[in-house]
């Protein structure tokens, strides 16, 4: 005897972005910009996800 069952899991909760606080840094010597490192994450109630950002941490 075989029994087949379909189980559907619905994720109805929106993820939450965990953004860094405001950052103020001076420009790098001789450059009109600065390299800034920061962390940004998102969570979906216990499952952390990579968060795609417009600017990559460590870029200038």
N, C-alpha and C. Protein backbone atom coordinates (compact mmCIF):
# COMPACT_ATOMS: atom_id res chain seq x y z
N UNK A 1 0.85 -1.17 0.00
CA UNK A 1 0.00 0.00 0.00
C UNK A 1 0.90 1.23 0.00
N UNK A 2 0.58 2.22 -0.81
CA UNK A 2 1.32 3.47 -0.90
C UNK A 2 0.37 4.62 -0.65
N UNK A 3 0.88 5.59 0.09
CA UNK A 3 0.09 6.78 0.38
C UNK A 3 0.88 8.00 -0.08
N UNK A 4 0.26 8.84 -0.84
CA UNK A 4 0.90 10.07 -1.32
C UNK A 4 0.16 11.26 -0.73
N UNK A 5 0.95 12.21 -0.23
CA UNK A 5 0.37 13.40 0.39
C UNK A 5 1.12 14.62 -0.11
N UNK A 6 0.41 15.69 -0.38
CA UNK A 6 1.02 16.96 -0.78
C UNK A 6 0.94 17.92 0.40
N UNK A 7 2.10 18.49 0.75
CA UNK A 7 2.16 19.48 1.83
C UNK A 7 2.64 20.79 1.21
N UNK A 8 1.88 21.85 1.41
CA UNK A 8 2.24 23.17 0.89
C UNK A 8 2.53 24.10 2.07
N UNK A 9 3.72 24.70 2.04
CA UNK A 9 4.12 25.66 3.08
C UNK A 9 4.03 27.05 2.47
N UNK A 10 3.27 27.93 3.09
CA UNK A 10 3.13 29.29 2.59
C UNK A 10 3.90 30.24 3.50
N UNK A 11 4.82 30.98 2.90
CA UNK A 11 5.57 32.01 3.64
C UNK A 11 4.85 33.32 3.41
N UNK A 12 4.05 33.74 4.38
CA UNK A 12 3.24 34.94 4.22
C UNK A 12 3.83 36.16 4.94
N UNK A 13 4.96 35.97 5.59
CA UNK A 13 5.61 37.07 6.31
C UNK A 13 6.66 37.71 5.41
N UNK A 14 6.61 39.04 5.29
CA UNK A 14 7.61 39.76 4.51
C UNK A 14 8.95 39.73 5.23
N UNK A 15 10.06 39.68 4.49
CA UNK A 15 11.38 39.76 5.13
C UNK A 15 11.60 41.16 5.72
N UNK A 16 12.50 41.25 6.66
CA UNK A 16 12.82 42.51 7.32
C UNK A 16 14.27 42.86 7.02
N UNK A 17 14.51 44.06 6.49
CA UNK A 17 15.86 44.54 6.23
C UNK A 17 16.46 45.07 7.53
N UNK A 18 17.71 44.68 7.80
CA UNK A 18 18.43 45.17 8.96
C UNK A 18 19.53 46.08 8.42
N UNK A 19 19.25 47.36 8.42
CA UNK A 19 20.15 48.33 7.79
C UNK A 19 21.13 48.90 8.81
N UNK A 20 22.35 49.23 8.34
CA UNK A 20 23.29 49.88 9.25
C UNK A 20 22.83 51.30 9.55
N UNK A 21 23.30 51.86 10.65
CA UNK A 21 22.98 53.25 10.97
C UNK A 21 23.74 54.17 10.03
N UNK A 22 23.42 55.45 10.05
CA UNK A 22 24.11 56.42 9.21
C UNK A 22 25.61 56.40 9.50
N UNK A 23 26.39 56.57 8.44
CA UNK A 23 27.85 56.56 8.55
C UNK A 23 28.38 57.86 7.95
N UNK A 24 29.26 58.53 8.67
CA UNK A 24 29.93 59.73 8.16
C UNK A 24 31.43 59.49 8.21
N UNK A 25 32.09 59.62 7.08
CA UNK A 25 33.55 59.42 7.00
C UNK A 25 34.15 60.55 6.18
N UNK A 26 35.41 60.89 6.45
CA UNK A 26 36.08 61.89 5.61
C UNK A 26 36.50 61.25 4.29
N UNK A 27 36.74 62.08 3.28
CA UNK A 27 37.20 61.53 2.01
C UNK A 27 38.60 60.96 2.17
N UNK A 28 38.96 59.98 1.33
CA UNK A 28 40.30 59.42 1.32
C UNK A 28 41.26 60.48 0.78
N UNK A 29 42.48 60.49 1.29
CA UNK A 29 43.48 61.48 0.93
C UNK A 29 43.68 61.56 -0.58
N UNK A 30 43.44 62.73 -1.15
CA UNK A 30 43.65 62.97 -2.57
C UNK A 30 42.56 62.41 -3.47
N UNK A 31 41.47 61.91 -2.90
CA UNK A 31 40.39 61.31 -3.69
C UNK A 31 39.07 61.97 -3.29
N UNK A 32 38.23 62.22 -4.27
CA UNK A 32 36.90 62.78 -3.98
C UNK A 32 35.92 61.65 -3.67
N UNK A 33 36.25 60.87 -2.68
CA UNK A 33 35.41 59.74 -2.28
C UNK A 33 36.07 59.05 -1.10
N UNK A 34 35.46 58.00 -0.62
CA UNK A 34 36.00 57.26 0.52
C UNK A 34 35.57 55.82 0.44
N UNK A 35 36.39 54.93 0.98
CA UNK A 35 36.03 53.53 1.11
C UNK A 35 35.30 53.36 2.44
N UNK A 36 34.13 52.76 2.39
CA UNK A 36 33.30 52.60 3.58
C UNK A 36 32.90 51.13 3.70
N UNK A 37 33.12 50.56 4.88
CA UNK A 37 32.71 49.18 5.15
C UNK A 37 31.49 49.18 6.05
N UNK A 38 30.53 48.32 5.74
CA UNK A 38 29.31 48.24 6.53
C UNK A 38 28.69 46.85 6.33
N UNK A 39 27.76 46.51 7.18
CA UNK A 39 27.03 45.25 7.06
C UNK A 39 25.55 45.55 6.92
N UNK A 40 24.91 44.88 6.00
CA UNK A 40 23.46 45.00 5.82
C UNK A 40 22.92 43.58 5.65
N UNK A 41 21.87 43.26 6.36
CA UNK A 41 21.30 41.92 6.30
C UNK A 41 19.78 42.01 6.19
N UNK A 42 19.20 40.89 5.91
CA UNK A 42 17.74 40.77 5.93
C UNK A 42 17.40 39.45 6.62
N UNK A 43 16.30 39.42 7.31
CA UNK A 43 15.88 38.20 7.96
C UNK A 43 14.44 37.88 7.58
N UNK A 44 14.17 36.61 7.51
CA UNK A 44 12.81 36.15 7.26
C UNK A 44 12.43 35.26 8.44
N UNK A 45 12.39 35.89 9.63
CA UNK A 45 12.04 35.23 10.87
C UNK A 45 12.91 34.01 11.15
N UNK A 46 14.20 34.28 11.37
CA UNK A 46 15.12 33.23 11.75
C UNK A 46 16.06 32.78 10.64
N UNK A 47 15.78 33.13 9.41
CA UNK A 47 16.62 32.73 8.29
C UNK A 47 17.25 33.98 7.69
N UNK A 48 18.54 34.19 7.97
CA UNK A 48 19.22 35.37 7.44
C UNK A 48 19.52 35.19 5.96
N UNK A 49 19.34 36.24 5.22
CA UNK A 49 19.55 36.22 3.77
C UNK A 49 20.59 37.28 3.40
N UNK A 50 21.26 37.06 2.27
CA UNK A 50 22.13 38.10 1.73
C UNK A 50 21.25 39.22 1.22
N UNK A 51 21.65 40.43 1.49
CA UNK A 51 20.90 41.59 1.05
C UNK A 51 21.68 42.28 -0.05
N UNK A 52 21.07 42.43 -1.19
CA UNK A 52 21.74 43.10 -2.30
C UNK A 52 21.58 44.61 -2.11
N UNK A 53 22.70 45.32 -2.15
CA UNK A 53 22.68 46.76 -1.95
C UNK A 53 23.17 47.47 -3.21
N UNK A 54 22.83 48.73 -3.33
CA UNK A 54 23.26 49.51 -4.49
C UNK A 54 24.78 49.67 -4.49
N UNK A 55 25.35 49.93 -3.32
CA UNK A 55 26.81 50.10 -3.18
C UNK A 55 27.35 48.92 -2.39
N UNK A 56 28.43 48.36 -2.83
CA UNK A 56 29.04 47.21 -2.16
C UNK A 56 29.91 47.71 -1.01
N UNK A 57 29.82 47.06 0.15
CA UNK A 57 30.66 47.42 1.29
C UNK A 57 32.13 47.32 0.89
N UNK A 58 32.91 48.33 1.26
CA UNK A 58 34.33 48.35 0.93
C UNK A 58 34.65 49.00 -0.38
N UNK A 59 33.64 49.46 -1.12
CA UNK A 59 33.88 50.15 -2.39
C UNK A 59 33.95 51.65 -2.13
N UNK A 60 34.41 52.38 -3.10
CA UNK A 60 34.47 53.84 -2.94
C UNK A 60 33.78 54.51 -4.10
